[in-house]
């Protein structure tokens, strides 16, 4: 009887702790930065400084404020829509050169986690 109770208790504890685990894997920062570098994203963006385009920290804050998410970021990176630059001019946003949804998701998560 004690063994059965111990097994039930251990199983319940396992399920409770499993619920605390993050639902998604951690962002692969090195892969995200490599993809951004390969696509010349750092030509216009920096993590914490404004360049031709806003910093990734500013982008993350804007997305949080407007309640936009990962799919919105991926859409921006893959559709080449017009963007307003820091100097007020507009241009088409460069399209990320990858069709791998995992790479796009990782890059979006990395940017939005800044």
C-alpha atoms as a PDB file:
ATOM      1  CA  UNK A   1       0.000   0.000   0.000  1.00  0.00           C
ATOM      2  CA  UNK A   2       2.855   2.367   0.851  1.00  0.00           C
ATOM      3  CA  UNK A   3       4.505   1.620  -2.508  1.00  0.00           C
ATOM      4  CA  UNK A   4       1.329   2.424  -4.430  1.00  0.00           C
ATOM      5  CA  UNK A   5       0.925   5.681  -2.522  1.00  0.00           C
ATOM      6  CA  UNK A   6       4.566   6.596  -3.212  1.00  0.00           C
ATOM      7  CA  UNK A   7       4.159   5.883  -6.916  1.00  0.00           C
ATOM      8  CA  UNK A   8       0.976   7.962  -7.080  1.00  0.00           C
ATOM      9  CA  UNK A   9       2.636  10.797  -5.195  1.00  0.00           C
ATOM     10  CA  UNK A  10       5.699  10.696  -7.465  1.00  0.00           C
ATOM     11  CA  UNK A  11       3.503  10.627 -10.568  1.00  0.00           C
ATOM     12  CA  UNK A  12       1.440  13.571  -9.332  1.00  0.00           C
ATOM     13  CA  UNK A  13       4.591  15.534  -8.546  1.00  0.00           C
ATOM     14  CA  UNK A  14       5.987  14.794 -12.008  1.00  0.00           C
ATOM     15  CA  UNK A  15       2.799  16.033 -13.698  1.00  0.00           C
ATOM     16  CA  UNK A  16       2.717  19.147 -11.546  1.00  0.00           C
ATOM     17  CA  UNK A  17       6.334  19.989 -12.354  1.00  0.00           C
ATOM     18  CA  UNK A  18       5.837  19.222 -16.047  1.00  0.00           C
ATOM     19  CA  UNK A  19       3.196  21.935 -16.086  1.00  0.00           C
ATOM     20  CA  UNK A  20       5.794  24.442 -14.908  1.00  0.00           C
ATOM     21  CA  UNK A  21       8.198  23.686 -17.771  1.00  0.00           C
ATOM     22  CA  UNK A  22       8.220  26.191 -20.625  1.00  0.00           C
ATOM     23  CA  UNK A  23       5.956  25.176 -23.487  1.00  0.00           C
ATOM     24  CA  UNK A  24       8.604  26.030 -26.060  1.00  0.00           C
ATOM     25  CA  UNK A  25      12.306  25.527 -26.318  1.00  0.00           C
ATOM     26  CA  UNK A  26      14.626  28.372 -25.475  1.00  0.00           C
ATOM     27  CA  UNK A  27      15.651  30.737 -28.239  1.00  0.00           C
ATOM     28  CA  UNK A  28      18.838  29.700 -30.025  1.00  0.00           C
ATOM     29  CA  UNK A  29      20.541  33.101 -29.872  1.00  0.00           C
ATOM     30  CA  UNK A  30      23.557  32.069 -31.934  1.00  0.00           C
ATOM     31  CA  UNK A  31      21.368  30.747 -34.759  1.00  0.00           C
ATOM     32  CA  UNK A  32      19.143  33.842 -34.688  1.00  0.00           C
ATOM     33  CA  UNK A  33      22.119  36.193 -34.807  1.00  0.00           C
ATOM     34  CA  UNK A  34      23.711  34.143 -37.606  1.00  0.00           C
ATOM     35  CA  UNK A  35      20.517  34.355 -39.684  1.00  0.00           C
ATOM     36  CA  UNK A  36      20.246  38.090 -39.015  1.00  0.00           C
ATOM     37  CA  UNK A  37      23.883  38.582 -39.999  1.00  0.00           C
ATOM     38  CA  UNK A  38      23.492  36.448 -43.150  1.00  0.00           C
ATOM     39  CA  UNK A  39      20.542  38.624 -44.189  1.00  0.00           C
ATOM     40  CA  UNK A  40      22.289  41.946 -43.394  1.00  0.00           C
ATOM     41  CA  UNK A  41      19.741  42.814 -40.688  1.00  0.00           C
ATOM     42  CA  UNK A  42      22.485  44.447 -38.628  1.00  0.00           C
ATOM     43  CA  UNK A  43      23.036  46.931 -41.451  1.00  0.00           C
ATOM     44  CA  UNK A  44      19.840  48.705 -40.352  1.00  0.00           C
ATOM     45  CA  UNK A  45      19.247  47.320 -36.830  1.00  0.00           C
ATOM     46  CA  UNK A  46      21.247  46.855 -33.644  1.00  0.00           C
ATOM     47  CA  UNK A  47      20.131  45.232 -30.415  1.00  0.00           C
ATOM     48  CA  UNK A  48      20.107  48.399 -28.342  1.00  0.00           C
ATOM     49  CA  UNK A  49      21.032  51.293 -30.652  1.00  0.00           C
ATOM     50  CA  UNK A  50      19.080  53.079 -33.344  1.00  0.00           C
ATOM     51  CA  UNK A  51      20.658  52.867 -36.767  1.00  0.00           C
ATOM     52  CA  UNK A  52      18.841  53.329 -40.060  1.00  0.00           C
ATOM     53  CA  UNK A  53      16.041  51.289 -38.475  1.00  0.00           C
ATOM     54  CA  UNK A  54      14.924  50.952 -34.857  1.00  0.00           C
ATOM     55  CA  UNK A  55      16.826  48.844 -32.352  1.00  0.00           C
ATOM     56  CA  UNK A  56      15.538  45.364 -31.597  1.00  0.00           C
ATOM     57  CA  UNK A  57      14.735  46.556 -28.075  1.00  0.00           C
ATOM     58  CA  UNK A  58      12.545  49.301 -29.529  1.00  0.00           C
ATOM     59  CA  UNK A  59      10.890  46.817 -31.898  1.00  0.00           C
ATOM     60  CA  UNK A  60      10.187  44.390 -29.038  1.00  0.00           C
ATOM     61  CA  UNK A  61       8.670  47.205 -26.951  1.00  0.00           C
ATOM     62  CA  UNK A  62       6.469  48.303 -29.864  1.00  0.00           C
ATOM     63  CA  UNK A  63       5.240  44.762 -30.469  1.00  0.00           C
ATOM     64  CA  UNK A  64       4.489  44.320 -26.769  1.00  0.00           C
ATOM     65  CA  UNK A  65       2.664  47.650 -26.577  1.00  0.00           C
ATOM     66  CA  UNK A  66       0.539  46.871 -29.637  1.00  0.00           C
ATOM     67  CA  UNK A  67       0.010  43.275 -28.484  1.00  0.00           C
ATOM     68  CA  UNK A  68       1.628  41.915 -31.637  1.00  0.00           C
ATOM     69  CA  UNK A  69       3.442  38.622 -31.574  1.00  0.00           C
ATOM     70  CA  UNK A  70       5.717  36.186 -33.266  1.00  0.00           C
ATOM     71  CA  UNK A  71       3.501  35.673 -36.328  1.00  0.00           C
ATOM     72  CA  UNK A  72       3.329  39.435 -36.879  1.00  0.00           C
ATOM     73  CA  UNK A  73       7.124  39.662 -36.734  1.00  0.00           C
ATOM     74  CA  UNK A  74       7.507  36.771 -39.182  1.00  0.00           C
ATOM     75  CA  UNK A  75       5.020  38.423 -41.532  1.00  0.00           C
ATOM     76  CA  UNK A  76       7.052  41.648 -41.412  1.00  0.00           C
ATOM     77  CA  UNK A  77      10.273  39.755 -42.162  1.00  0.00           C
ATOM     78  CA  UNK A  78       8.832  37.704 -45.043  1.00  0.00           C
ATOM     79  CA  UNK A  79       6.474  40.001 -46.934  1.00  0.00           C
ATOM     80  CA  UNK A  80       8.711  42.986 -47.696  1.00  0.00           C
ATOM     81  CA  UNK A  81       6.155  45.584 -46.603  1.00  0.00           C
ATOM     82  CA  UNK A  82       7.037  49.254 -46.432  1.00  0.00           C
ATOM     83  CA  UNK A  83       8.651  50.410 -43.208  1.00  0.00           C
ATOM     84  CA  UNK A  84       9.184  53.902 -41.870  1.00  0.00           C
ATOM     85  CA  UNK A  85      12.835  54.538 -41.068  1.00  0.00           C
ATOM     86  CA  UNK A  86      14.153  56.641 -38.210  1.00  0.00           C
ATOM     87  CA  UNK A  87      14.740  59.600 -40.561  1.00  0.00           C
ATOM     88  CA  UNK A  88      11.082  59.535 -41.648  1.00  0.00           C
ATOM     89  CA  UNK A  89      11.649  58.018 -45.074  1.00  0.00           C
ATOM     90  CA  UNK A  90      10.037  54.758 -46.164  1.00  0.00           C
ATOM     91  CA  UNK A  91      11.388  51.742 -47.989  1.00  0.00           C
ATOM     92  CA  UNK A  92      10.505  48.110 -48.556  1.00  0.00           C
ATOM     93  CA  UNK A  93      11.715  45.897 -45.723  1.00  0.00           C
ATOM     94  CA  UNK A  94      14.203  43.288 -46.894  1.00  0.00           C
ATOM     95  CA  UNK A  95      12.795  39.761 -47.026  1.00  0.00           C
ATOM     96  CA  UNK A  96      14.603  37.179 -44.887  1.00  0.00           C
ATOM     97  CA  UNK A  97      16.200  34.587 -47.136  1.00  0.00           C
ATOM     98  CA  UNK A  98      14.961  31.359 -45.556  1.00  0.00           C
ATOM     99  CA  UNK A  99      11.862  29.243 -45.984  1.00  0.00           C
ATOM    100  CA  UNK A 100      12.521  27.256 -42.801  1.00  0.00           C
ATOM    101  CA  UNK A 101       9.665  28.076 -40.398  1.00  0.00           C
ATOM    102  CA  UNK A 102      11.812  27.040 -37.411  1.00  0.00           C
ATOM    103  CA  UNK A 103      14.512  29.555 -38.356  1.00  0.00           C
ATOM    104  CA  UNK A 104      11.934  32.314 -38.843  1.00  0.00           C
ATOM    105  CA  UNK A 105      10.249  31.494 -35.538  1.00  0.00           C
ATOM    106  CA  UNK A 106      13.594  31.468 -33.713  1.00  0.00           C
ATOM    107  CA  UNK A 107      14.616  34.825 -35.202  1.00  0.00           C
ATOM    108  CA  UNK A 108      11.243  36.380 -34.348  1.00  0.00           C
ATOM    109  CA  UNK A 109      11.423  35.067 -30.786  1.00  0.00           C
ATOM    110  CA  UNK A 110      14.980  36.369 -30.422  1.00  0.00           C
ATOM    111  CA  UNK A 111      14.012  39.841 -31.624  1.00  0.00           C
ATOM    112  CA  UNK A 112      10.895  39.985 -29.451  1.00  0.00           C
ATOM    113  CA  UNK A 113      12.810  38.827 -26.371  1.00  0.00           C
ATOM    114  CA  UNK A 114      15.144  41.798 -26.418  1.00  0.00           C
END
